[in-house]
Amino acid sequence: MPIDNCTHTFADLSTTVLPAHLERLKAALQSPLPASTFVGFKSASREVLSRLGRTTDFPGCYVFIDLDHPVYVGISRGVVKRLAQHLNFESHFTASLVYKMATDDFPHEMKRDQAMKDDQFREVFLTAQGRLREMSVAFVQIDNDLELYLFEVMAAMHLDTDTWNTFRTH
């Protein structure tokens, strides 16, 4: 029985479908966009979509790149909206990657809510968000949920983004 309307067998996914997505991602990594493309937007607005040559947001996988080195792989049902959240929001919920980056720079025992209210941590958080804004980003559209979830792990492992990627459950 298909999971999430994915009609491929696991063998097809592992030998054909996911490797094809990886090749498309490698091609996208050759010409990433500046992350600043998404700064100043709170959603997938017409303006940012127009910059990308798109009319609607899309599901897919995205990669943040720092100095030509992939550092984080993420997925979303709305890639453009998710990138805007990472780069513009000041919450540990919506800018979770920035929170991880800031925690590396400012280790603490505080709960997330407490840390976001701490002036020193917030300064580190905003500095980390500034670093993220200086990176570039590449992405590929992947419409099927199961393919997307499996691909995130594959891409993170292939690109060796273990610093900020984790797949631990809560």
Protein backbone atom coordinates (compact mmCIF):
# COMPACT_ATOMS: atom_id res chain seq x y z
CA MET A 1 0.00 0.00 0.00
CA PRO A 2 1.43 3.43 -0.92
CA ILE A 3 2.42 5.78 1.91
CA ASP A 4 1.54 9.45 1.34
CA ASN A 5 0.52 8.66 -2.24
CA CYS A 6 4.05 7.61 -3.13
CA THR A 7 3.67 4.88 -5.72
CA HIS A 8 7.37 3.98 -5.89
CA THR A 9 8.80 0.92 -4.21
CA PHE A 10 11.56 1.45 -1.68
CA ALA A 11 13.97 -0.07 -4.18
CA ASP A 12 12.90 2.49 -6.81
CA LEU A 13 13.19 5.32 -4.31
CA SER A 14 16.67 4.32 -3.20
CA THR A 15 18.11 3.53 -6.62
CA THR A 16 16.34 5.93 -8.98
CA VAL A 17 14.04 8.58 -7.50
CA LEU A 18 16.14 9.95 -4.63
CA PRO A 19 19.39 9.89 -6.63
CA ALA A 20 17.61 11.89 -9.35
CA HIS A 21 16.55 14.49 -6.76
CA LEU A 22 20.16 14.58 -5.52
CA GLU A 23 21.44 15.30 -9.03
CA ARG A 24 18.94 18.17 -9.35
CA LEU A 25 20.07 19.51 -5.96
CA LYS A 26 23.74 19.29 -7.01
CA ALA A 27 22.88 21.33 -10.10
CA ALA A 28 21.06 23.93 -7.96
CA LEU A 29 24.08 24.12 -5.65
CA GLN A 30 26.16 25.25 -8.63
CA SER A 31 24.17 28.48 -8.87
CA PRO A 32 22.69 29.29 -5.44
CA LEU A 33 20.83 32.49 -4.64
CA PRO A 34 21.96 34.96 -2.00
CA ALA A 35 19.96 34.31 1.17
CA SER A 36 19.38 38.06 1.24
CA THR A 37 16.89 37.47 -1.60
CA PHE A 38 14.44 36.42 1.12
CA VAL A 39 15.24 39.14 3.67
CA GLY A 40 12.45 41.60 4.36
CA PHE A 41 9.63 39.16 3.66
CA LYS A 42 7.39 37.47 6.22
CA SER A 43 5.81 35.08 3.76
CA ALA A 44 5.90 33.86 0.17
CA SER A 45 4.78 37.23 -1.17
CA ARG A 46 4.20 37.90 -4.85
CA GLU A 47 7.32 40.05 -4.89
CA VAL A 48 9.70 37.35 -3.68
CA LEU A 49 7.98 34.68 -5.80
CA SER A 50 8.38 36.95 -8.83
CA ARG A 51 12.11 37.27 -8.09
CA LEU A 52 12.27 33.48 -8.33
CA GLY A 53 10.20 33.29 -11.51
CA ARG A 54 7.38 31.53 -9.69
CA THR A 55 3.74 32.28 -9.03
CA THR A 56 3.21 30.01 -6.03
CA ASP A 57 5.20 28.56 -3.17
CA PHE A 58 6.21 24.91 -3.48
CA PRO A 59 7.25 21.89 -1.41
CA GLY A 60 10.88 20.95 -1.49
CA CYS A 61 14.34 20.75 -0.01
CA TYR A 62 16.64 23.71 0.59
CA VAL A 63 20.29 24.01 1.53
CA PHE A 64 22.05 26.92 3.21
CA ILE A 65 25.59 27.36 1.92
CA ASP A 66 28.37 29.22 3.75
CA LEU A 67 31.46 30.03 1.69
CA ASP A 68 30.68 27.30 -0.86
CA HIS A 69 30.15 24.72 1.91
CA PRO A 70 26.64 23.33 2.54
CA VAL A 71 25.85 23.76 6.24
CA TYR A 72 22.15 22.92 6.63
CA VAL A 73 19.53 20.91 4.77
CA GLY A 74 15.87 21.58 5.44
CA ILE A 75 12.52 20.67 3.94
CA SER A 76 9.18 22.39 3.83
CA ARG A 77 5.80 22.22 2.14
CA GLY A 78 6.38 25.93 1.45
CA VAL A 79 10.09 26.50 0.75
CA VAL A 80 9.85 30.24 0.10
CA LYS A 81 7.82 30.87 3.24
CA ARG A 82 10.21 28.73 5.30
CA LEU A 83 13.27 30.56 4.03
CA ALA A 84 11.61 33.88 4.89
CA GLN A 85 10.96 32.57 8.41
CA HIS A 86 14.57 31.52 8.96
CA LEU A 87 15.85 34.88 7.75
CA ASN A 88 13.30 37.33 9.17
CA PHE A 89 11.58 35.97 12.26
CA GLU A 90 12.88 36.40 15.78
CA SER A 91 11.37 33.34 17.41
CA HIS A 92 12.95 30.02 18.30
CA PHE A 93 9.91 28.35 16.70
CA THR A 94 10.12 29.96 13.27
CA ALA A 95 13.87 30.64 13.16
CA SER A 96 14.91 27.30 14.61
CA LEU A 97 18.14 27.10 12.60
CA VAL A 98 19.19 30.53 13.88
CA TYR A 99 18.42 29.34 17.41
CA LYS A 100 20.69 26.29 16.89
CA MET A 101 23.46 28.51 15.55
CA ALA A 102 23.12 30.93 18.47
CA THR A 103 23.14 28.08 20.99
CA ASP A 104 26.46 26.86 19.53
CA ASP A 105 27.86 30.37 20.07
CA PHE A 106 26.21 30.88 23.47
CA PRO A 107 25.79 27.54 25.25
CA HIS A 108 23.23 27.80 28.04
CA GLU A 109 20.97 25.82 30.34
CA MET A 110 17.95 28.07 29.82
CA LYS A 111 14.74 26.83 28.26
CA ARG A 112 14.14 28.19 24.77
CA ASP A 113 11.58 30.78 25.91
CA GLN A 114 13.90 31.99 28.65
CA ALA A 115 16.85 32.25 26.27
CA MET A 116 14.85 34.35 23.81
CA LYS A 117 14.07 36.80 26.65
CA ASP A 118 17.72 36.98 27.76
CA ASP A 119 19.35 40.14 26.34
CA GLN A 120 22.77 38.53 25.85
CA PHE A 121 21.34 35.50 24.09
CA ARG A 122 19.08 37.63 21.89
CA GLU A 123 22.10 39.60 20.75
CA VAL A 124 23.87 36.35 19.82
CA PHE A 125 20.65 35.14 18.12
CA LEU A 126 20.42 38.28 15.98
CA THR A 127 24.12 38.04 15.12
CA ALA A 128 23.61 34.42 14.02
CA GLN A 129 20.65 35.50 11.90
CA GLY A 130 22.90 38.11 10.30
CA ARG A 131 25.41 35.34 9.46
CA LEU A 132 22.64 33.28 7.91
CA ARG A 133 21.58 36.26 5.80
CA GLU A 134 25.13 36.42 4.38
CA MET A 135 24.96 32.82 3.17
CA SER A 136 23.47 31.54 -0.06
CA VAL A 137 20.71 29.04 -0.60
CA ALA A 138 19.78 26.43 -3.18
CA PHE A 139 16.60 24.41 -3.42
CA VAL A 140 14.70 21.81 -5.43
CA GLN A 141 11.00 21.18 -5.66
CA ILE A 142 9.86 17.73 -4.49
CA ASP A 143 6.11 17.28 -4.50
CA ASN A 144 5.64 13.95 -2.74
CA ASP A 145 5.84 14.05 1.07
CA LEU A 146 7.49 10.65 1.50
CA GLU A 147 10.13 11.39 -1.13
CA LEU A 148 10.76 14.75 0.54
CA TYR A 149 11.21 13.30 4.04
CA LEU A 150 13.52 10.53 2.88
CA PHE A 151 15.47 12.95 0.69
CA GLU A 152 16.21 15.33 3.57
CA VAL A 153 18.19 12.65 5.39
CA MET A 154 19.93 11.54 2.21
CA ALA A 155 20.92 15.10 1.27
CA ALA A 156 22.10 15.96 4.80
CA MET A 157 24.26 12.84 4.89
CA HIS A 158 25.59 13.33 1.36
CA LEU A 159 26.42 17.00 2.00
CA ASP A 160 27.78 16.27 5.49
CA THR A 161 25.74 18.94 7.28
CA ASP A 162 25.99 17.32 10.70
CA THR A 163 26.74 20.56 12.59
CA TRP A 164 23.17 21.87 12.51
CA ASN A 165 21.19 18.99 11.04
CA THR A 166 19.83 16.47 13.48
CA PHE A 167 17.10 13.90 13.22
CA ARG A 168 16.65 13.21 16.92
CA THR A 169 13.03 13.04 17.95
CA HIS A 170 11.70 15.10 20.82
